[in-house]
N, C-alpha and C. Protein backbone atom coordinates (compact mmCIF):
# COMPACT_ATOMS: atom_id res chain seq x y z
N MET A 1 -61.95 45.73 51.33
CA MET A 1 -60.64 45.37 50.81
C MET A 1 -59.56 46.04 51.67
N THR A 2 -58.51 45.29 51.88
CA THR A 2 -57.37 45.77 52.64
C THR A 2 -56.16 45.79 51.72
N ARG A 3 -55.34 46.81 51.86
CA ARG A 3 -54.12 46.90 51.07
C ARG A 3 -52.93 46.92 52.02
N THR A 4 -51.91 46.15 51.66
CA THR A 4 -50.69 46.12 52.46
C THR A 4 -49.49 46.12 51.54
N ARG A 5 -48.38 46.61 52.05
CA ARG A 5 -47.12 46.61 51.30
C ARG A 5 -46.12 45.73 52.04
N VAL A 6 -45.48 44.86 51.28
CA VAL A 6 -44.51 43.94 51.87
C VAL A 6 -43.29 43.81 50.96
N ARG A 7 -42.21 43.38 51.58
CA ARG A 7 -41.01 43.01 50.82
C ARG A 7 -40.88 41.50 50.97
N LEU A 8 -40.88 40.83 49.84
CA LEU A 8 -40.71 39.38 49.83
C LEU A 8 -39.28 39.07 49.45
N THR A 9 -38.61 38.25 50.23
CA THR A 9 -37.24 37.84 49.95
C THR A 9 -37.26 36.34 49.70
N PHE A 10 -36.73 35.97 48.55
CA PHE A 10 -36.78 34.58 48.09
C PHE A 10 -35.41 33.93 48.22
N PRO A 11 -35.32 32.76 48.86
CA PRO A 11 -34.07 32.01 48.86
C PRO A 11 -33.82 31.38 47.49
N SER A 12 -32.62 30.93 47.27
CA SER A 12 -32.23 30.42 45.95
C SER A 12 -33.12 29.28 45.46
N ASN A 13 -33.59 28.43 46.34
CA ASN A 13 -34.40 27.29 45.91
C ASN A 13 -35.79 27.69 45.42
N LEU A 14 -36.21 28.94 45.64
CA LEU A 14 -37.53 29.38 45.20
C LEU A 14 -37.49 30.35 44.03
N ILE A 15 -36.31 30.70 43.54
CA ILE A 15 -36.19 31.69 42.47
C ILE A 15 -36.95 31.28 41.21
N GLN A 16 -36.93 30.01 40.88
CA GLN A 16 -37.59 29.53 39.66
C GLN A 16 -39.07 29.18 39.86
N GLU A 17 -39.57 29.27 41.09
CA GLU A 17 -40.97 28.93 41.38
C GLU A 17 -41.89 30.09 41.02
N PRO A 18 -43.09 29.81 40.50
CA PRO A 18 -44.04 30.87 40.16
C PRO A 18 -44.85 31.31 41.39
N ILE A 19 -44.17 31.83 42.39
CA ILE A 19 -44.80 32.19 43.66
C ILE A 19 -45.87 33.26 43.49
N LEU A 20 -45.55 34.34 42.79
CA LEU A 20 -46.51 35.44 42.64
C LEU A 20 -47.72 35.00 41.82
N TYR A 21 -47.50 34.15 40.83
CA TYR A 21 -48.61 33.60 40.05
C TYR A 21 -49.61 32.88 40.97
N HIS A 22 -49.09 32.03 41.85
CA HIS A 22 -49.96 31.28 42.75
C HIS A 22 -50.64 32.19 43.76
N LEU A 23 -49.95 33.23 44.19
CA LEU A 23 -50.55 34.19 45.12
C LEU A 23 -51.79 34.83 44.49
N VAL A 24 -51.70 35.17 43.21
CA VAL A 24 -52.83 35.78 42.50
C VAL A 24 -53.90 34.74 42.18
N LYS A 25 -53.50 33.63 41.58
CA LYS A 25 -54.47 32.63 41.09
C LYS A 25 -55.14 31.86 42.22
N ASP A 26 -54.37 31.39 43.19
CA ASP A 26 -54.91 30.53 44.24
C ASP A 26 -55.61 31.31 45.35
N PHE A 27 -55.17 32.55 45.60
CA PHE A 27 -55.73 33.33 46.71
C PHE A 27 -56.56 34.52 46.24
N ASP A 28 -56.57 34.81 44.95
CA ASP A 28 -57.33 35.94 44.40
C ASP A 28 -56.90 37.26 45.04
N ILE A 29 -55.59 37.41 45.19
CA ILE A 29 -55.01 38.64 45.72
C ILE A 29 -54.53 39.49 44.54
N VAL A 30 -54.92 40.76 44.55
CA VAL A 30 -54.47 41.70 43.53
C VAL A 30 -53.09 42.20 43.95
N ILE A 31 -52.10 42.07 43.06
CA ILE A 31 -50.75 42.51 43.40
C ILE A 31 -50.31 43.64 42.48
N ASN A 32 -49.41 44.44 43.00
CA ASN A 32 -48.77 45.51 42.24
C ASN A 32 -47.29 45.47 42.61
N ILE A 33 -46.45 45.08 41.67
CA ILE A 33 -45.01 45.01 41.92
C ILE A 33 -44.46 46.43 41.84
N ARG A 34 -43.87 46.89 42.95
CA ARG A 34 -43.34 48.26 43.01
C ARG A 34 -41.86 48.31 42.64
N ARG A 35 -41.11 47.33 43.09
CA ARG A 35 -39.69 47.19 42.75
C ARG A 35 -39.32 45.73 42.91
N ALA A 36 -38.26 45.34 42.21
CA ALA A 36 -37.81 43.95 42.33
C ALA A 36 -36.36 43.85 41.90
N ASP A 37 -35.69 42.85 42.43
CA ASP A 37 -34.33 42.52 42.02
C ASP A 37 -34.19 41.01 42.15
N VAL A 38 -34.07 40.36 41.02
CA VAL A 38 -33.98 38.90 41.02
C VAL A 38 -32.68 38.50 40.33
N LYS A 39 -31.89 37.73 41.03
CA LYS A 39 -30.64 37.22 40.50
C LYS A 39 -30.72 35.71 40.45
N GLU A 40 -29.66 35.08 40.06
CA GLU A 40 -29.65 33.63 39.92
C GLU A 40 -29.87 32.90 41.25
N ASP A 41 -29.35 33.46 42.34
CA ASP A 41 -29.40 32.76 43.63
C ASP A 41 -30.14 33.50 44.73
N TYR A 42 -30.79 34.61 44.41
CA TYR A 42 -31.41 35.44 45.43
C TYR A 42 -32.37 36.40 44.75
N GLY A 43 -33.44 36.75 45.43
CA GLY A 43 -34.35 37.73 44.85
C GLY A 43 -35.23 38.37 45.89
N TRP A 44 -35.68 39.58 45.60
CA TRP A 44 -36.65 40.24 46.46
C TRP A 44 -37.63 41.03 45.59
N VAL A 45 -38.81 41.24 46.13
CA VAL A 45 -39.86 41.98 45.45
C VAL A 45 -40.55 42.88 46.48
N ALA A 46 -40.67 44.17 46.17
CA ALA A 46 -41.51 45.07 46.96
C ALA A 46 -42.88 45.04 46.31
N LEU A 47 -43.88 44.67 47.09
CA LEU A 47 -45.18 44.31 46.54
C LEU A 47 -46.31 44.95 47.32
N GLU A 48 -47.29 45.49 46.61
CA GLU A 48 -48.56 45.86 47.23
C GLU A 48 -49.52 44.71 46.99
N MET A 49 -50.25 44.36 48.03
CA MET A 49 -51.25 43.30 47.90
C MET A 49 -52.59 43.85 48.38
N GLU A 50 -53.65 43.50 47.64
CA GLU A 50 -54.98 43.96 48.01
C GLU A 50 -55.97 42.81 47.94
N ALA A 51 -56.71 42.62 49.03
CA ALA A 51 -57.73 41.57 49.13
C ALA A 51 -58.42 41.75 50.48
N GLY A 52 -59.35 40.88 50.78
CA GLY A 52 -59.95 40.88 52.11
C GLY A 52 -58.89 40.55 53.15
N GLU A 53 -59.11 41.00 54.37
CA GLU A 53 -58.12 40.81 55.43
C GLU A 53 -57.79 39.34 55.67
N ASP A 54 -58.80 38.49 55.70
CA ASP A 54 -58.58 37.05 55.91
C ASP A 54 -57.80 36.44 54.75
N THR A 55 -58.12 36.86 53.53
CA THR A 55 -57.43 36.36 52.35
C THR A 55 -55.96 36.75 52.38
N LEU A 56 -55.68 38.01 52.73
CA LEU A 56 -54.28 38.44 52.84
C LEU A 56 -53.53 37.64 53.89
N ALA A 57 -54.17 37.40 55.02
CA ALA A 57 -53.53 36.63 56.09
C ALA A 57 -53.21 35.21 55.62
N ARG A 58 -54.14 34.58 54.88
CA ARG A 58 -53.88 33.23 54.36
C ARG A 58 -52.76 33.25 53.33
N GLY A 59 -52.74 34.26 52.47
CA GLY A 59 -51.68 34.38 51.48
C GLY A 59 -50.31 34.58 52.10
N VAL A 60 -50.23 35.44 53.11
CA VAL A 60 -48.95 35.67 53.79
C VAL A 60 -48.49 34.41 54.51
N LYS A 61 -49.42 33.70 55.15
CA LYS A 61 -49.06 32.45 55.82
C LYS A 61 -48.52 31.44 54.81
N TRP A 62 -49.17 31.34 53.65
CA TRP A 62 -48.70 30.43 52.60
C TRP A 62 -47.29 30.80 52.14
N LEU A 63 -47.05 32.10 51.93
CA LEU A 63 -45.71 32.55 51.54
C LEU A 63 -44.67 32.12 52.56
N LYS A 64 -44.95 32.37 53.83
CA LYS A 64 -44.00 32.01 54.89
C LYS A 64 -43.79 30.50 54.96
N ASP A 65 -44.88 29.75 54.81
CA ASP A 65 -44.77 28.29 54.83
C ASP A 65 -43.92 27.77 53.67
N LYS A 66 -43.95 28.48 52.54
CA LYS A 66 -43.12 28.10 51.38
C LYS A 66 -41.64 28.43 51.59
N GLY A 67 -41.33 29.31 52.56
CA GLY A 67 -39.95 29.70 52.81
C GLY A 67 -39.61 31.11 52.36
N VAL A 68 -40.62 31.87 51.97
CA VAL A 68 -40.41 33.26 51.57
C VAL A 68 -40.40 34.13 52.83
N GLN A 69 -39.42 35.00 52.94
CA GLN A 69 -39.38 35.95 54.06
C GLN A 69 -40.30 37.11 53.72
N VAL A 70 -41.22 37.44 54.61
CA VAL A 70 -42.20 38.50 54.38
C VAL A 70 -41.98 39.59 55.42
N ASP A 71 -41.63 40.80 54.96
CA ASP A 71 -41.40 41.94 55.85
C ASP A 71 -42.31 43.08 55.44
N PRO A 72 -42.98 43.72 56.41
CA PRO A 72 -43.84 44.85 56.05
C PRO A 72 -43.02 46.05 55.60
N ILE A 73 -43.60 46.85 54.70
CA ILE A 73 -43.00 48.10 54.26
C ILE A 73 -43.85 49.21 54.86
N GLU A 74 -43.21 50.09 55.59
CA GLU A 74 -43.95 51.15 56.29
C GLU A 74 -44.20 52.37 55.45
N ARG A 75 -43.41 52.59 54.41
CA ARG A 75 -43.56 53.80 53.60
C ARG A 75 -43.57 53.40 52.12
N ASP A 76 -43.92 54.35 51.29
CA ASP A 76 -43.95 54.09 49.84
C ASP A 76 -42.54 53.80 49.36
N VAL A 77 -42.41 52.86 48.44
CA VAL A 77 -41.09 52.47 47.96
C VAL A 77 -40.69 53.19 46.68
N ILE A 78 -41.57 54.00 46.13
CA ILE A 78 -41.25 54.77 44.95
C ILE A 78 -40.91 56.20 45.37
N ALA A 79 -39.69 56.61 45.08
CA ALA A 79 -39.26 57.96 45.50
C ALA A 79 -39.70 58.99 44.49
């Protein structure tokens, strides 16, 4: 199992979409939401994801293909 931390930034057209649900259900990725801020027209989530390396790569590709910006987090987001 591989664990990675990312910040997902959602454009306004994806705010109402169940993106994280599909990431868990369709890709079998274990997620841990560390922080989040979701508004009517914009949102971001700091997320830990854990799965096999290939599974994580497919999940991240799917997120990007959907229009979610995926940025790695280099340090822990909880102070």
